[in-house]
């Protein structure tokens, strides 16, 4: 039975892992995550909110790491979040093209300095 794009997206959203300690370090909360799946592409939508004073202390990259069933990394995407353009919260879209969503066993999302 072949799953529809909506069914695949719903399944993938449950496979998202966040790293609370990293979010705490950067003073953010990643929330309200959703996924759209198309032929060989994935769009991840999420909100980032500041946990203190409606601002973030420094700019960072939001990384998305895609893993297969063997827990091997199959791809990485990232989005730059500029502290000077950030106030209170931001809605982010991270797109990945040329990836087969059927091969993804988990997606790890976290902030990083680089």
PDB file of N, CA and C in Angstrom:
ATOM      1  N   UNK A   1       0.846  -1.181   0.000  1.00  0.00           N
ATOM      2  CA  UNK A   1       0.000   0.000   0.000  1.00  0.00           C
ATOM      3  C   UNK A   1       0.890   1.243   0.000  1.00  0.00           C
ATOM      4  N   UNK A   2       0.709   2.086  -0.982  1.00  0.00           N
ATOM      5  CA  UNK A   2       1.490   3.318  -1.078  1.00  0.00           C
ATOM      6  C   UNK A   2       0.796   4.419  -0.291  1.00  0.00           C
ATOM      7  N   UNK A   3       1.577   5.089   0.569  1.00  0.00           N
ATOM      8  CA  UNK A   3       1.036   6.166   1.383  1.00  0.00           C
ATOM      9  C   UNK A   3       0.897   7.449   0.571  1.00  0.00           C
ATOM     10  N   UNK A   4      -0.088   8.263   0.925  1.00  0.00           N
ATOM     11  CA  UNK A   4      -0.242   9.569   0.284  1.00  0.00           C
ATOM     12  C   UNK A   4       0.784  10.539   0.875  1.00  0.00           C
ATOM     13  N   UNK A   5       0.968  11.671   0.230  1.00  0.00           N
ATOM     14  CA  UNK A   5       1.893  12.700   0.724  1.00  0.00           C
ATOM     15  C   UNK A   5       1.510  13.161   2.131  1.00  0.00           C
ATOM     16  N   UNK A   6       0.217  13.323   2.360  1.00  0.00           N
ATOM     17  CA  UNK A   6      -0.254  13.749   3.697  1.00  0.00           C
ATOM     18  C   UNK A   6       0.052  12.690   4.751  1.00  0.00           C
ATOM     19  N   UNK A   7      -0.127  11.427   4.404  1.00  0.00           N
ATOM     20  CA  UNK A   7       0.169  10.351   5.351  1.00  0.00           C
ATOM     21  C   UNK A   7       1.664  10.285   5.666  1.00  0.00           C
ATOM     22  N   UNK A   8       2.495  10.462   4.633  1.00  0.00           N
ATOM     23  CA  UNK A   8       3.944  10.461   4.845  1.00  0.00           C
ATOM     24  C   UNK A   8       4.341  11.644   5.733  1.00  0.00           C
ATOM     25  N   UNK A   9       3.800  12.815   5.453  1.00  0.00           N
ATOM     26  CA  UNK A   9       4.108  14.009   6.251  1.00  0.00           C
ATOM     27  C   UNK A   9       3.709  13.814   7.712  1.00  0.00           C
ATOM     28  N   UNK A  10       2.541  13.256   7.940  1.00  0.00           N
ATOM     29  CA  UNK A  10       2.058  13.003   9.307  1.00  0.00           C
ATOM     30  C   UNK A  10       2.990  12.029  10.034  1.00  0.00           C
ATOM     31  N   UNK A  11       3.449  11.026   9.315  1.00  0.00           N
ATOM     32  CA  UNK A  11       4.372  10.035   9.878  1.00  0.00           C
ATOM     33  C   UNK A  11       5.730  10.679  10.206  1.00  0.00           C
ATOM     34  N   UNK A  12       6.230  11.526   9.300  1.00  0.00           N
ATOM     35  CA  UNK A  12       7.527  12.177   9.509  1.00  0.00           C
ATOM     36  C   UNK A  12       7.516  13.165  10.667  1.00  0.00           C
ATOM     37  N   UNK A  13       6.409  13.864  10.852  1.00  0.00           N
ATOM     38  CA  UNK A  13       6.324  14.840  11.955  1.00  0.00           C
ATOM     39  C   UNK A  13       6.545  14.142  13.295  1.00  0.00           C
ATOM     40  N   UNK A  14       6.085  12.901  13.398  1.00  0.00           N
ATOM     41  CA  UNK A  14       6.260  12.136  14.637  1.00  0.00           C
ATOM     42  C   UNK A  14       7.705  11.678  14.824  1.00  0.00           C
ATOM     43  N   UNK A  15       8.506  11.762  13.768  1.00  0.00           N
ATOM     44  CA  UNK A  15       9.900  11.324  13.837  1.00  0.00           C
ATOM     45  C   UNK A  15      10.874  12.479  14.089  1.00  0.00           C
ATOM     46  N   UNK A  16      10.342  13.664  14.321  1.00  0.00           N
ATOM     47  CA  UNK A  16      11.199  14.818  14.601  1.00  0.00           C
ATOM     48  C   UNK A  16      11.700  14.751  16.037  1.00  0.00           C
ATOM     49  N   UNK A  17      13.003  14.945  16.183  1.00  0.00           N
ATOM     50  CA  UNK A  17      13.630  15.009  17.509  1.00  0.00           C
ATOM     51  C   UNK A  17      14.224  16.397  17.698  1.00  0.00           C
ATOM     52  N   UNK A  18      13.972  16.976  18.856  1.00  0.00           N
ATOM     53  CA  UNK A  18      14.578  18.257  19.229  1.00  0.00           C
ATOM     54  C   UNK A  18      15.553  17.997  20.362  1.00  0.00           C
ATOM     55  N   UNK A  19      16.494  18.899  20.546  1.00  0.00           N
ATOM     56  CA  UNK A  19      17.458  18.769  21.638  1.00  0.00           C
ATOM     57  C   UNK A  19      17.252  19.947  22.593  1.00  0.00           C
ATOM     58  N   UNK A  20      16.523  19.678  23.671  1.00  0.00           N
ATOM     59  CA  UNK A  20      16.154  20.727  24.625  1.00  0.00           C
ATOM     60  C   UNK A  20      17.358  21.486  25.169  1.00  0.00           C
ATOM     61  N   UNK A  21      18.449  20.787  25.474  1.00  0.00           N
ATOM     62  CA  UNK A  21      19.631  21.438  26.040  1.00  0.00           C
ATOM     63  C   UNK A  21      20.200  22.474  25.072  1.00  0.00           C
ATOM     64  N   UNK A  22      20.178  22.178  23.777  1.00  0.00           N
ATOM     65  CA  UNK A  22      20.671  23.135  22.783  1.00  0.00           C
ATOM     66  C   UNK A  22      19.732  24.332  22.683  1.00  0.00           C
ATOM     67  N   UNK A  23      18.436  24.071  22.710  1.00  0.00           N
ATOM     68  CA  UNK A  23      17.463  25.164  22.672  1.00  0.00           C
ATOM     69  C   UNK A  23      17.647  26.071  23.888  1.00  0.00           C
ATOM     70  N   UNK A  24      17.843  25.481  25.063  1.00  0.00           N
ATOM     71  CA  UNK A  24      18.073  26.267  26.286  1.00  0.00           C
ATOM     72  C   UNK A  24      19.327  27.123  26.159  1.00  0.00           C
ATOM     73  N   UNK A  25      20.383  26.552  25.616  1.00  0.00           N
ATOM     74  CA  UNK A  25      21.653  27.269  25.452  1.00  0.00           C
ATOM     75  C   UNK A  25      21.480  28.510  24.573  1.00  0.00           C
ATOM     76  N   UNK A  26      20.650  28.408  23.537  1.00  0.00           N
ATOM     77  CA  UNK A  26      20.440  29.527  22.623  1.00  0.00           C
ATOM     78  C   UNK A  26      19.252  30.403  23.020  1.00  0.00           C
ATOM     79  N   UNK A  27      18.558  30.044  24.101  1.00  0.00           N
ATOM     80  CA  UNK A  27      17.445  30.848  24.592  1.00  0.00           C
ATOM     81  C   UNK A  27      16.229  30.827  23.678  1.00  0.00           C
ATOM     82  N   UNK A  28      15.980  29.651  23.078  1.00  0.00           N
ATOM     83  CA  UNK A  28      14.837  29.526  22.168  1.00  0.00           C
ATOM     84  C   UNK A  28      14.000  28.295  22.504  1.00  0.00           C
ATOM     85  N   UNK A  29      12.819  28.263  21.919  1.00  0.00           N
ATOM     86  CA  UNK A  29      11.949  27.090  21.965  1.00  0.00           C
ATOM     87  C   UNK A  29      11.484  26.826  20.539  1.00  0.00           C
ATOM     88  N   UNK A  30      11.675  25.615  20.062  1.00  0.00           N
ATOM     89  CA  UNK A  30      11.179  25.202  18.747  1.00  0.00           C
ATOM     90  C   UNK A  30       9.833  24.527  18.965  1.00  0.00           C
ATOM     91  N   UNK A  31       8.815  24.988  18.231  1.00  0.00           N
ATOM     92  CA  UNK A  31       7.462  24.512  18.490  1.00  0.00           C
ATOM     93  C   UNK A  31       6.637  24.546  17.196  1.00  0.00           C
ATOM     94  N   UNK A  32       5.441  23.976  17.274  1.00  0.00           N
ATOM     95  CA  UNK A  32       4.454  24.028  16.182  1.00  0.00           C
ATOM     96  C   UNK A  32       5.049  23.588  14.843  1.00  0.00           C
ATOM     97  N   UNK A  33       5.611  22.416  14.848  1.00  0.00           N
ATOM     98  CA  UNK A  33       6.285  21.879  13.668  1.00  0.00           C
ATOM     99  C   UNK A  33       5.313  21.116  12.768  1.00  0.00           C
ATOM    100  N   UNK A  34       5.455  21.353  11.472  1.00  0.00           N
ATOM    101  CA  UNK A  34       4.679  20.584  10.492  1.00  0.00           C
ATOM    102  C   UNK A  34       5.556  20.305   9.274  1.00  0.00           C
ATOM    103  N   UNK A  35       5.107  19.357   8.462  1.00  0.00           N
ATOM    104  CA  UNK A  35       5.880  18.942   7.291  1.00  0.00           C
ATOM    105  C   UNK A  35       4.948  18.804   6.088  1.00  0.00           C
ATOM    106  N   UNK A  36       5.439  19.251   4.943  1.00  0.00           N
ATOM    107  CA  UNK A  36       4.794  18.979   3.657  1.00  0.00           C
ATOM    108  C   UNK A  36       5.750  18.131   2.840  1.00  0.00           C
ATOM    109  N   UNK A  37       5.223  17.110   2.184  1.00  0.00           N
ATOM    110  CA  UNK A  37       6.037  16.211   1.364  1.00  0.00           C
ATOM    111  C   UNK A  37       5.518  16.269  -0.064  1.00  0.00           C
ATOM    112  N   UNK A  38       6.471  16.337  -0.984  1.00  0.00           N
ATOM    113  CA  UNK A  38       6.162  16.301  -2.406  1.00  0.00           C
ATOM    114  C   UNK A  38       7.105  15.289  -3.044  1.00  0.00           C
ATOM    115  N   UNK A  39       7.023  15.100  -4.323  1.00  0.00           N
ATOM    116  CA  UNK A  39       7.938  14.173  -4.991  1.00  0.00           C
ATOM    117  C   UNK A  39       9.378  14.617  -4.765  1.00  0.00           C
ATOM    118  N   UNK A  40      10.133  13.823  -4.033  1.00  0.00           N
ATOM    119  CA  UNK A  40      11.548  14.070  -3.763  1.00  0.00           C
ATOM    120  C   UNK A  40      11.852  15.401  -3.087  1.00  0.00           C
ATOM    121  N   UNK A  41      10.920  15.923  -2.285  1.00  0.00           N
ATOM    122  CA  UNK A  41      11.207  17.125  -1.500  1.00  0.00           C
ATOM    123  C   UNK A  41      10.413  17.126  -0.196  1.00  0.00           C
ATOM    124  N   UNK A  42      10.990  17.823   0.767  1.00  0.00           N
ATOM    125  CA  UNK A  42      10.357  17.955   2.077  1.00  0.00           C
ATOM    126  C   UNK A  42      10.459  19.419   2.498  1.00  0.00           C
ATOM    127  N   UNK A  43       9.362  19.973   2.977  1.00  0.00           N
ATOM    128  CA  UNK A  43       9.353  21.304   3.578  1.00  0.00           C
ATOM    129  C   UNK A  43       8.986  21.142   5.045  1.00  0.00           C
ATOM    130  N   UNK A  44       9.852  21.667   5.911  1.00  0.00           N
ATOM    131  CA  UNK A  44       9.593  21.649   7.346  1.00  0.00           C
ATOM    132  C   UNK A  44       9.242  23.076   7.769  1.00  0.00           C
ATOM    133  N   UNK A  45       8.124  23.222   8.449  1.00  0.00           N
ATOM    134  CA  UNK A  45       7.684  24.515   8.960  1.00  0.00           C
ATOM    135  C   UNK A  45       7.723  24.453  10.482  1.00  0.00           C
ATOM    136  N   UNK A  46       8.218  25.514  11.107  1.00  0.00           N
ATOM    137  CA  UNK A  46       8.259  25.539  12.564  1.00  0.00           C
ATOM    138  C   UNK A  46       8.318  26.967  13.073  1.00  0.00           C
ATOM    139  N   UNK A  47       8.035  27.119  14.344  1.00  0.00           N
ATOM    140  CA  UNK A  47       8.163  28.412  15.005  1.00  0.00           C
ATOM    141  C   UNK A  47       9.310  28.344  15.999  1.00  0.00           C
ATOM    142  N   UNK A  48      10.049  29.435  16.054  1.00  0.00           N
ATOM    143  CA  UNK A  48      11.084  29.600  17.073  1.00  0.00           C
ATOM    144  C   UNK A  48      10.655  30.781  17.920  1.00  0.00           C
ATOM    145  N   UNK A  49      10.614  30.592  19.221  1.00  0.00           N
ATOM    146  CA  UNK A  49      10.292  31.711  20.105  1.00  0.00           C
ATOM    147  C   UNK A  49      11.416  31.907  21.108  1.00  0.00           C
ATOM    148  N   UNK A  50      11.624  33.172  21.475  1.00  0.00           N
ATOM    149  CA  UNK A  50      12.631  33.519  22.475  1.00  0.00           C
ATOM    150  C   UNK A  50      12.099  33.169  23.855  1.00  0.00           C
ATOM    151  N   UNK A  51      12.963  32.626  24.699  1.00  0.00           N
ATOM    152  CA  UNK A  51      12.517  32.251  26.042  1.00  0.00           C
ATOM    153  C   UNK A  51      12.750  33.356  27.067  1.00  0.00           C
ATOM    154  N   UNK A  52      13.556  34.382  26.689  1.00  0.00           N
ATOM    155  CA  UNK A  52      13.812  35.497  27.610  1.00  0.00           C
ATOM    156  C   UNK A  52      13.747  36.823  26.859  1.00  0.00           C
ATOM    157  N   UNK A  53      13.046  37.759  27.383  1.00  0.00           N
ATOM    158  CA  UNK A  53      13.048  39.154  26.916  1.00  0.00           C
ATOM    159  C   UNK A  53      12.734  39.344  25.432  1.00  0.00           C
ATOM    160  N   UNK A  54      12.079  38.399  24.810  1.00  0.00           N
ATOM    161  CA  UNK A  54      11.673  38.500  23.406  1.00  0.00           C
ATOM    162  C   UNK A  54      12.825  38.623  22.411  1.00  0.00           C
ATOM    163  N   UNK A  55      14.056  38.404  22.855  1.00  0.00           N
ATOM    164  CA  UNK A  55      15.210  38.510  21.955  1.00  0.00           C
ATOM    165  C   UNK A  55      16.107  37.287  22.119  1.00  0.00           C
ATOM    166  N   UNK A  56      17.009  37.137  21.157  1.00  0.00           N
ATOM    167  CA  UNK A  56      18.034  36.098  21.266  1.00  0.00           C
ATOM    168  C   UNK A  56      19.396  36.798  21.359  1.00  0.00           C
ATOM    169  N   UNK A  57      20.332  36.186  22.068  1.00  0.00           N
ATOM    170  CA  UNK A  57      21.634  36.810  22.320  1.00  0.00           C
ATOM    171  C   UNK A  57      22.552  36.813  21.114  1.00  0.00           C
ATOM    172  N   UNK A  58      22.445  35.784  20.281  1.00  0.00           N
ATOM    173  CA  UNK A  58      23.326  35.713  19.113  1.00  0.00           C
ATOM    174  C   UNK A  58      22.629  34.997  17.969  1.00  0.00           C
ATOM    175  N   UNK A  59      23.114  35.277  16.775  1.00  0.00           N
ATOM    176  CA  UNK A  59      22.598  34.612  15.585  1.00  0.00           C
ATOM    177  C   UNK A  59      23.022  33.146  15.612  1.00  0.00           C
ATOM    178  N   UNK A  60      22.271  32.312  14.902  1.00  0.00           N
ATOM    179  CA  UNK A  60      22.596  30.882  14.873  1.00  0.00           C
ATOM    180  C   UNK A  60      22.033  30.240  13.616  1.00  0.00           C
ATOM    181  N   UNK A  61      22.462  29.012  13.385  1.00  0.00           N
ATOM    182  CA  UNK A  61      21.910  28.184  12.319  1.00  0.00           C
ATOM    183  C   UNK A  61      20.942  27.185  12.938  1.00  0.00           C
ATOM    184  N   UNK A  62      19.823  26.990  12.293  1.00  0.00           N
ATOM    185  CA  UNK A  62      18.898  25.935  12.680  1.00  0.00           C
ATOM    186  C   UNK A  62      19.176  24.773  11.741  1.00  0.00           C
ATOM    187  N   UNK A  63      19.640  23.651  12.287  1.00  0.00           N
ATOM    188  CA  UNK A  63      20.047  22.498  11.482  1.00  0.00           C
ATOM    189  C   UNK A  63      18.952  21.428  11.489  1.00  0.00           C
ATOM    190  N   UNK A  64      18.792  20.808  10.342  1.00  0.00           N
ATOM    191  CA  UNK A  64      17.918  19.638  10.201  1.00  0.00           C
ATOM    192  C   UNK A  64      18.781  18.509   9.665  1.00  0.00           C
ATOM    193  N   UNK A  65      18.884  17.440  10.440  1.00  0.00           N
ATOM    194  CA  UNK A  65      19.670  16.281  10.061  1.00  0.00           C
ATOM    195  C   UNK A  65      18.689  15.143   9.752  1.00  0.00           C
ATOM    196  N   UNK A  66      18.838  14.554   8.576  1.00  0.00           N
ATOM    197  CA  UNK A  66      17.955  13.476   8.127  1.00  0.00           C
ATOM    198  C   UNK A  66      18.689  12.139   8.259  1.00  0.00           C
ATOM    199  N   UNK A  67      18.053  11.163   8.888  1.00  0.00           N
ATOM    200  CA  UNK A  67      18.647   9.843   9.128  1.00  0.00           C
ATOM    201  C   UNK A  67      17.840   8.771   8.416  1.00  0.00           C
ATOM    202  N   UNK A  68      18.545   7.692   8.016  1.00  0.00           N
ATOM    203  CA  UNK A  68      17.853   6.555   7.419  1.00  0.00           C
ATOM    204  C   UNK A  68      17.596   5.481   8.483  1.00  0.00           C
ATOM    205  N   UNK A  69      17.091   4.333   8.058  1.00  0.00           N
ATOM    206  CA  UNK A  69      16.739   3.262   8.999  1.00  0.00           C
ATOM    207  C   UNK A  69      17.934   2.655   9.723  1.00  0.00           C
ATOM    208  N   UNK A  70      19.129   2.831   9.174  1.00  0.00           N
ATOM    209  CA  UNK A  70      20.348   2.350   9.837  1.00  0.00           C
ATOM    210  C   UNK A  70      20.940   3.398  10.769  1.00  0.00           C
ATOM    211  N   UNK A  71      20.218   4.500  10.960  1.00  0.00           N
ATOM    212  CA  UNK A  71      20.660   5.611  11.798  1.00  0.00           C
ATOM    213  C   UNK A  71      21.883   6.320  11.210  1.00  0.00           C
ATOM    214  N   UNK A  72      22.029   6.227   9.904  1.00  0.00           N
ATOM    215  CA  UNK A  72      23.089   6.949   9.195  1.00  0.00           C
ATOM    216  C   UNK A  72      22.527   8.279   8.697  1.00  0.00           C
ATOM    217  N   UNK A  73      23.369   9.296   8.702  1.00  0.00           N
ATOM    218  CA  UNK A  73      22.955  10.602   8.191  1.00  0.00           C
ATOM    219  C   UNK A  73      22.885  10.526   6.669  1.00  0.00           C
ATOM    220  N   UNK A  74      21.732  10.909   6.132  1.00  0.00           N
ATOM    221  CA  UNK A  74      21.588  10.890   4.674  1.00  0.00           C
ATOM    222  C   UNK A  74      21.593  12.299   4.084  1.00  0.00           C
ATOM    223  N   UNK A  75      21.330  13.308   4.917  1.00  0.00           N
ATOM    224  CA  UNK A  75      21.403  14.674   4.413  1.00  0.00           C
ATOM    225  C   UNK A  75      21.271  15.677   5.557  1.00  0.00           C
ATOM    226  N   UNK A  76      21.660  16.924   5.247  1.00  0.00           N
ATOM    227  CA  UNK A  76      21.619  18.013   6.231  1.00  0.00           C
ATOM    228  C   UNK A  76      21.131  19.265   5.515  1.00  0.00           C
ATOM    229  N   UNK A  77      20.244  20.006   6.168  1.00  0.00           N
ATOM    230  CA  UNK A  77      19.880  21.342   5.703  1.00  0.00           C
ATOM    231  C   UNK A  77      20.001  22.283   6.884  1.00  0.00           C
ATOM    232  N   UNK A  78      20.123  23.568   6.590  1.00  0.00           N
ATOM    233  CA  UNK A  78      20.195  24.540   7.673  1.00  0.00           C
ATOM    234  C   UNK A  78      19.613  25.866   7.223  1.00  0.00           C
ATOM    235  N   UNK A  79      19.217  26.651   8.199  1.00  0.00           N
ATOM    236  CA  UNK A  79      18.645  27.982   7.942  1.00  0.00           C
ATOM    237  C   UNK A  79      19.274  28.941   8.934  1.00  0.00           C
ATOM    238  N   UNK A  80      19.729  30.096   8.470  1.00  0.00           N
ATOM    239  CA  UNK A  80      20.361  31.091   9.326  1.00  0.00           C
ATOM    240  C   UNK A  80      19.290  31.942  10.003  1.00  0.00           C
ATOM    241  N   UNK A  81      19.427  32.146  11.307  1.00  0.00           N
ATOM    242  CA  UNK A  81      18.525  32.996  12.075  1.00  0.00           C
ATOM    243  C   UNK A  81      19.367  34.156  12.610  1.00  0.00           C
ATOM    244  N   UNK A  82      19.088  35.353  12.126  1.00  0.00           N
ATOM    245  CA  UNK A  82      19.860  36.553  12.481  1.00  0.00           C
ATOM    246  C   UNK A  82      19.246  37.229  13.702  1.00  0.00           C
ATOM    247  N   UNK A  83      20.054  37.437  14.726  1.00  0.00           N
ATOM    248  CA  UNK A  83      19.540  38.040  15.973  1.00  0.00           C
ATOM    249  C   UNK A  83      18.985  39.431  15.749  1.00  0.00           C
ATOM    250  N   UNK A  84      19.540  40.175  14.786  1.00  0.00           N
ATOM    251  CA  UNK A  84      19.077  41.545  14.531  1.00  0.00           C
ATOM    252  C   UNK A  84      17.711  41.587  13.844  1.00  0.00           C
ATOM    253  N   UNK A  85      17.308  40.494  13.214  1.00  0.00           N
ATOM    254  CA  UNK A  85      16.004  40.417  12.550  1.00  0.00           C
ATOM    255  C   UNK A  85      14.973  39.667  13.386  1.00  0.00           C
ATOM    256  N   UNK A  86      15.343  39.283  14.591  1.00  0.00           N
ATOM    257  CA  UNK A  86      14.490  38.430  15.416  1.00  0.00           C
ATOM    258  C   UNK A  86      13.867  39.225  16.563  1.00  0.00           C
ATOM    259  N   UNK A  87      12.557  39.101  16.738  1.00  0.00           N
ATOM    260  CA  UNK A  87      11.892  39.648  17.915  1.00  0.00           C
ATOM    261  C   UNK A  87      10.755  38.722  18.305  1.00  0.00           C
ATOM    262  N   UNK A  88      10.818  38.198  19.492  1.00  0.00           N
ATOM    263  CA  UNK A  88       9.792  37.356  20.110  1.00  0.00           C
ATOM    264  C   UNK A  88       9.680  35.961  19.480  1.00  0.00           C
ATOM    265  N   UNK A  89       9.296  35.898  18.199  1.00  0.00           N
ATOM    266  CA  UNK A  89       9.224  34.599  17.545  1.00  0.00           C
ATOM    267  C   UNK A  89       9.385  34.774  16.039  1.00  0.00           C
ATOM    268  N   UNK A  90       9.674  33.671  15.384  1.00  0.00           N
ATOM    269  CA  UNK A  90       9.835  33.675  13.939  1.00  0.00           C
ATOM    270  C   UNK A  90       9.306  32.360  13.392  1.00  0.00           C
ATOM    271  N   UNK A  91       8.693  32.434  12.226  1.00  0.00           N
ATOM    272  CA  UNK A  91       8.239  31.240  11.532  1.00  0.00           C
ATOM    273  C   UNK A  91       9.276  30.906  10.463  1.00  0.00           C
ATOM    274  N   UNK A  92       9.717  29.666  10.446  1.00  0.00           N
ATOM    275  CA  UNK A  92      10.805  29.231   9.579  1.00  0.00           C
ATOM    276  C   UNK A  92      10.310  28.130   8.640  1.00  0.00           C
ATOM    277  N   UNK A  93      10.808  28.170   7.404  1.00  0.00           N
ATOM    278  CA  UNK A  93      10.580  27.085   6.446  1.00  0.00           C
ATOM    279  C   UNK A  93      11.955  26.586   6.012  1.00  0.00           C
ATOM    280  N   UNK A  94      12.169  25.282   6.159  1.00  0.00           N
ATOM    281  CA  UNK A  94      13.418  24.662   5.725  1.00  0.00           C
ATOM    282  C   UNK A  94      13.059  23.610   4.679  1.00  0.00           C
ATOM    283  N   UNK A  95      13.591  23.786   3.486  1.00  0.00           N
ATOM    284  CA  UNK A  95      13.260  22.891   2.378  1.00  0.00           C
ATOM    285  C   UNK A  95      14.448  22.015   2.020  1.00  0.00           C
ATOM    286  N   UNK A  96      14.144  20.789   1.630  1.00  0.00           N
ATOM    287  CA  UNK A  96      15.169  19.856   1.155  1.00  0.00           C
ATOM    288  C   UNK A  96      14.645  19.203  -0.114  1.00  0.00           C
ATOM    289  N   UNK A  97      15.426  19.355  -1.182  1.00  0.00           N
ATOM    290  CA  UNK A  97      15.051  18.784  -2.477  1.00  0.00           C
ATOM    291  C   UNK A  97      15.945  17.592  -2.784  1.00  0.00           C
ATOM    292  N   UNK A  98      15.433  16.678  -3.580  1.00  0.00           N
ATOM    293  CA  UNK A  98      16.219  15.526  -4.004  1.00  0.00           C
ATOM    294  C   UNK A  98      16.391  14.486  -2.915  1.00  0.00           C
ATOM    295  N   UNK A  99      15.387  14.339  -2.058  1.00  0.00           N
ATOM    296  CA  UNK A  99      15.454  13.347  -0.980  1.00  0.00           C
ATOM    297  C   UNK A  99      14.180  12.499  -1.011  1.00  0.00           C
ATOM    298  N   UNK A 100      14.344  11.230  -0.821  1.00  0.00           N
ATOM    299  CA  UNK A 100      13.209  10.306  -0.804  1.00  0.00           C
ATOM    300  C   UNK A 100      12.697  10.188   0.631  1.00  0.00           C
ATOM    301  N   UNK A 101      11.529  10.707   0.891  1.00  0.00           N
ATOM    302  CA  UNK A 101      10.975  10.722   2.248  1.00  0.00           C
ATOM    303  C   UNK A 101      10.753   9.320   2.806  1.00  0.00           C
ATOM    304  N   UNK A 102      10.612   8.327   1.943  1.00  0.00           N
ATOM    305  CA  UNK A 102      10.418   6.949   2.401  1.00  0.00           C
ATOM    306  C   UNK A 102      11.654   6.404   3.105  1.00  0.00           C
ATOM    307  N   UNK A 103      12.816   6.983   2.838  1.00  0.00           N
ATOM    308  CA  UNK A 103      14.064   6.520   3.450  1.00  0.00           C
ATOM    309  C   UNK A 103      14.388   7.200   4.772  1.00  0.00           C
ATOM    310  N   UNK A 104      13.548   8.124   5.212  1.00  0.00           N
ATOM    311  CA  UNK A 104      13.846   8.886   6.428  1.00  0.00           C
ATOM    312  C   UNK A 104      13.247   8.193   7.647  1.00  0.00           C
ATOM    313  N   UNK A 105      14.109   7.896   8.631  1.00  0.00           N
ATOM    314  CA  UNK A 105      13.624   7.278   9.864  1.00  0.00           C
ATOM    315  C   UNK A 105      13.489   8.289  10.990  1.00  0.00           C
ATOM    316  N   UNK A 106      14.268   9.397  10.919  1.00  0.00           N
ATOM    317  CA  UNK A 106      14.105  10.470  11.898  1.00  0.00           C
ATOM    318  C   UNK A 106      14.713  11.752  11.346  1.00  0.00           C
ATOM    319  N   UNK A 107      14.250  12.861  11.919  1.00  0.00           N
ATOM    320  CA  UNK A 107      14.772  14.189  11.587  1.00  0.00           C
ATOM    321  C   UNK A 107      15.112  14.872  12.905  1.00  0.00           C
ATOM    322  N   UNK A 108      16.362  15.255  13.046  1.00  0.00           N
ATOM    323  CA  UNK A 108      16.799  15.947  14.264  1.00  0.00           C
ATOM    324  C   UNK A 108      16.936  17.429  13.925  1.00  0.00           C
ATOM    325  N   UNK A 109      16.306  18.270  14.758  1.00  0.00           N
ATOM    326  CA  UNK A 109      16.329  19.726  14.546  1.00  0.00           C
ATOM    327  C   UNK A 109      16.918  20.383  15.787  1.00  0.00           C
ATOM    328  N   UNK A 110      17.930  21.249  15.572  1.00  0.00           N
ATOM    329  CA  UNK A 110      18.565  21.922  16.708  1.00  0.00           C
ATOM    330  C   UNK A 110      19.313  23.163  16.264  1.00  0.00           C
ATOM    331  N   UNK A 111      19.512  24.123  17.178  1.00  0.00           N
ATOM    332  CA  UNK A 111      20.314  25.315  16.860  1.00  0.00           C
ATOM    333  C   UNK A 111      21.797  25.000  16.998  1.00  0.00           C
ATOM    334  N   UNK A 112      22.608  25.716  16.182  1.00  0.00           N
ATOM    335  CA  UNK A 112      24.054  25.479  16.188  1.00  0.00           C
ATOM    336  C   UNK A 112      24.786  26.781  15.845  1.00  0.00           C
ATOM    337  N   UNK A 113      26.024  26.899  16.331  1.00  0.00           N
ATOM    338  CA  UNK A 113      26.854  28.059  15.995  1.00  0.00           C
ATOM    339  C   UNK A 113      27.319  28.051  14.555  1.00  0.00           C
ATOM    340  N   UNK A 114      27.420  26.872  13.970  1.00  0.00           N
ATOM    341  CA  UNK A 114      27.957  26.776  12.609  1.00  0.00           C
ATOM    342  C   UNK A 114      27.209  25.775  11.767  1.00  0.00           C
TER     343      UNK A 114
END
